[in-house]
Amino acid sequence: MFAKPSTLYHSTNDGKTFTEINAKINNATIRKDNGLQKHPFAAQKVYLVAHTQEAHSDLYITEDGGKSFTHVTMPFLLDGALMFYPEKDSKYQDWILAHESQTLSLYLSVDGGKHWNKLLDHVISYKWSSYESDPTGTIYAIYNNGMQMTMMGMISSPADNELRKSNDLGSSWSTIREEVYTFGM
């Protein structure tokens, strides 16, 4: 069971007055955790993640500060926050990574969240590269090939973890280190 639909308000005069705009998001119930995500480099872009009773998440995207929304049914159940490409350059603003909770799959959108492509299953953690020496679009991920499903969920051993790198937006991956527990940028 879910709570009642969220109430969403919009202001066009710096918060002096507000208008309810629930109909623009189909009276959806927005997630409490990571349900409202502002694009870090595009002030008018906001992403609302809604609960569903299906095995997917609904995404409501505004690119005009809430005047209008595009509804996207994601082909997976979003786990955590969207990860935007960490560069201000407008040609990369639409690149987003996302993680699915059941198969631990990593997904990529290159059109601002409207379409999603699965990159890799069994991903424990992931990050966009922030190294200047890496090509644009480089992704690092901890991958676990020894994952097993139990009644408690997915389990794995750090001995089975590999740090993988993709220099081409996830089209191909190479293992750069084995037995990895965590990594940082």
Protein backbone atom coordinates (compact mmCIF):
# COMPACT_ATOMS: atom_id res chain seq x y z
CA MET A 1 0.00 0.00 0.00
CA PHE A 2 1.15 3.52 -0.77
CA ALA A 3 0.28 6.81 0.84
CA LYS A 4 -2.02 9.30 -0.80
CA PRO A 5 -0.74 11.09 -3.90
CA SER A 6 1.82 13.81 -3.38
CA THR A 7 0.80 17.46 -3.51
CA LEU A 8 3.03 19.47 -5.81
CA TYR A 9 3.05 23.26 -5.97
CA HIS A 10 4.66 25.68 -8.43
CA SER A 11 5.53 29.35 -7.97
CA THR A 12 6.36 31.84 -10.71
CA ASN A 13 6.95 34.83 -8.41
CA ASP A 14 9.78 33.71 -6.11
CA GLY A 15 7.46 32.01 -3.62
CA LYS A 16 4.94 34.79 -3.00
CA THR A 17 2.10 32.60 -4.30
CA PHE A 18 1.82 28.94 -5.26
CA THR A 19 -0.40 26.93 -7.58
CA GLU A 20 -1.14 23.23 -7.12
CA ILE A 21 0.01 21.28 -10.18
CA ASN A 22 -0.78 17.64 -9.25
CA ALA A 23 -2.56 17.03 -12.56
CA LYS A 24 0.70 17.69 -14.43
CA ILE A 25 2.19 14.59 -12.76
CA ASN A 26 -0.94 12.42 -12.97
CA ASN A 27 -1.51 12.75 -9.20
CA ALA A 28 1.52 10.50 -8.66
CA THR A 29 3.01 9.60 -5.29
CA ILE A 30 6.56 10.96 -5.27
CA ARG A 31 9.17 8.90 -3.44
CA LYS A 32 10.35 10.25 -0.08
CA ASP A 33 14.01 9.32 -0.73
CA ASN A 34 15.50 10.74 -3.93
CA GLY A 35 12.02 11.54 -5.24
CA LEU A 36 12.89 15.10 -6.21
CA GLN A 37 16.21 15.56 -7.97
CA LYS A 38 17.41 18.83 -9.44
CA HIS A 39 19.87 18.72 -12.30
CA PRO A 40 23.20 20.06 -10.97
CA PHE A 41 23.98 22.19 -14.04
CA ALA A 42 20.56 23.03 -15.51
CA ALA A 43 18.42 24.97 -13.04
CA GLN A 44 15.17 24.45 -14.98
CA LYS A 45 15.54 20.63 -15.11
CA VAL A 46 13.93 18.72 -12.24
CA TYR A 47 13.29 14.99 -12.01
CA LEU A 48 10.47 13.53 -9.90
CA VAL A 49 10.58 9.79 -9.18
CA ALA A 50 7.19 8.26 -8.39
CA HIS A 51 6.19 5.04 -6.66
CA THR A 52 4.36 2.44 -8.69
CA GLN A 53 2.96 -0.96 -7.82
CA GLU A 54 4.79 -2.45 -10.78
CA ALA A 55 8.43 -3.52 -11.26
CA HIS A 56 9.42 -0.12 -12.62
CA SER A 57 9.65 3.53 -11.59
CA ASP A 58 7.83 6.46 -13.12
CA LEU A 59 9.86 9.55 -13.89
CA TYR A 60 8.38 13.02 -14.38
CA ILE A 61 10.81 15.41 -16.05
CA THR A 62 10.48 19.16 -16.32
CA GLU A 63 12.91 21.16 -18.42
CA ASP A 64 11.12 24.47 -17.90
CA GLY A 65 11.02 24.79 -14.12
CA GLY A 66 7.70 23.01 -13.63
CA LYS A 67 5.56 24.59 -16.34
CA SER A 68 5.27 21.22 -18.08
CA PHE A 69 6.31 17.63 -17.38
CA THR A 70 7.19 14.62 -19.53
CA HIS A 71 6.17 11.24 -18.10
CA VAL A 72 8.61 8.34 -18.60
CA THR A 73 8.00 4.78 -17.48
CA MET A 74 11.49 3.55 -16.65
CA PRO A 75 12.13 -0.08 -17.70
CA PHE A 76 13.43 -0.85 -14.20
CA LEU A 77 12.90 -0.06 -10.52
CA LEU A 78 15.22 2.84 -9.66
CA ASP A 79 17.48 2.26 -6.68
CA GLY A 80 18.87 5.48 -5.19
CA ALA A 81 19.60 8.75 -6.93
CA LEU A 82 20.17 9.56 -10.57
CA MET A 83 23.85 10.24 -11.31
CA PHE A 84 24.31 13.14 -13.73
CA TYR A 85 27.44 13.53 -15.84
CA PRO A 86 29.78 15.76 -13.78
CA GLU A 87 30.57 18.40 -16.42
CA LYS A 88 28.81 21.70 -17.03
CA ASP A 89 29.16 21.47 -20.81
CA SER A 90 25.60 21.51 -22.16
CA LYS A 91 26.28 18.74 -24.69
CA TYR A 92 26.65 16.27 -21.78
CA GLN A 93 23.78 17.53 -19.60
CA ASP A 94 21.49 14.72 -20.74
CA TRP A 95 23.85 11.89 -19.73
CA ILE A 96 22.52 10.08 -16.64
CA LEU A 97 23.44 6.83 -14.90
CA ALA A 98 20.91 4.92 -12.79
CA HIS A 99 20.89 1.67 -10.82
CA GLU A 100 18.21 -1.03 -10.63
CA SER A 101 17.60 -2.64 -7.27
CA GLN A 102 16.75 -6.28 -8.03
CA THR A 103 19.39 -7.42 -10.54
CA LEU A 104 21.76 -4.58 -9.63
CA SER A 105 21.81 -3.47 -13.25
CA LEU A 106 23.42 -0.23 -14.39
CA TYR A 107 21.46 1.87 -16.88
CA LEU A 108 22.38 4.87 -19.05
CA SER A 109 20.26 7.62 -20.56
CA VAL A 110 21.81 10.00 -23.09
CA ASP A 111 18.59 11.97 -23.66
CA GLY A 112 17.87 13.32 -20.19
CA GLY A 113 16.02 10.27 -18.86
CA LYS A 114 13.52 9.73 -21.67
CA HIS A 115 15.09 6.44 -22.83
CA TRP A 116 17.28 3.96 -20.91
CA ASN A 117 19.78 1.30 -22.00
CA LYS A 118 21.05 -1.47 -19.74
CA LEU A 119 24.84 -1.43 -19.56
CA LEU A 120 25.82 -4.15 -17.09
CA ASP A 121 24.26 -6.50 -14.52
CA HIS A 122 25.60 -7.28 -11.02
CA VAL A 123 26.94 -3.76 -10.39
CA ILE A 124 27.74 -3.01 -6.74
CA SER A 125 28.74 0.66 -7.22
CA TYR A 126 29.50 2.99 -10.11
CA LYS A 127 30.75 6.48 -10.93
CA TRP A 128 31.37 8.77 -13.84
CA SER A 129 35.09 9.41 -14.23
CA SER A 130 36.39 12.74 -13.03
CA TYR A 131 39.94 12.14 -14.28
CA GLU A 132 41.10 14.55 -16.97
CA SER A 133 43.16 11.75 -18.53
CA ASP A 134 40.01 9.64 -19.17
CA PRO A 135 38.00 10.18 -22.36
CA THR A 136 34.61 11.87 -22.12
CA GLY A 137 31.94 9.37 -21.08
CA THR A 138 34.20 7.08 -19.03
CA ILE A 139 32.40 5.02 -16.38
CA TYR A 140 33.88 2.98 -13.53
CA ALA A 141 31.90 0.18 -11.88
CA ILE A 142 32.44 -2.56 -9.32
CA TYR A 143 31.06 -5.69 -10.93
CA ASN A 144 30.46 -9.00 -9.14
CA ASN A 145 30.26 -12.13 -11.27
CA GLY A 146 29.75 -14.44 -8.28
CA MET A 147 26.41 -12.99 -7.15
CA GLN A 148 23.90 -15.45 -5.81
CA MET A 149 20.23 -14.90 -5.06
CA THR A 150 19.09 -16.00 -1.59
CA MET A 151 15.91 -15.49 0.36
CA MET A 152 17.57 -12.43 1.91
CA GLY A 153 18.41 -10.93 -1.50
CA MET A 154 21.61 -10.79 -3.53
CA ILE A 155 24.81 -11.82 -1.77
CA SER A 156 28.36 -11.61 -2.99
CA SER A 157 31.93 -11.88 -1.81
CA PRO A 158 34.40 -9.01 -2.28
CA ALA A 159 36.81 -11.66 -3.61
CA ASP A 160 34.51 -11.87 -6.67
CA ASN A 161 34.43 -8.09 -7.21
CA GLU A 162 36.13 -6.55 -10.23
CA LEU A 163 36.71 -2.87 -10.92
CA ARG A 164 35.66 -2.36 -14.52
CA LYS A 165 36.09 0.63 -16.80
CA SER A 166 34.26 1.70 -19.94
CA ASN A 167 35.62 4.48 -22.16
CA ASP A 168 32.62 4.43 -24.51
CA LEU A 169 29.49 5.05 -22.41
CA GLY A 170 29.22 1.40 -21.39
CA SER A 171 29.38 -0.26 -24.82
CA SER A 172 32.48 -2.24 -23.80
CA TRP A 173 34.12 -2.93 -20.44
CA SER A 174 37.60 -3.92 -19.33
CA THR A 175 38.62 -5.27 -15.93
CA ILE A 176 41.31 -3.10 -14.38
CA ARG A 177 41.51 -4.65 -10.88
CA GLU A 178 40.20 -7.76 -9.10
CA GLU A 179 39.13 -8.31 -5.48
CA VAL A 180 37.94 -4.72 -5.06
CA TYR A 181 35.76 -3.69 -2.14
CA THR A 182 35.30 0.00 -2.96
CA PHE A 183 36.83 2.80 -5.01
CA GLY A 184 36.81 6.60 -5.19
CA MET A 185 37.28 9.38 -7.69
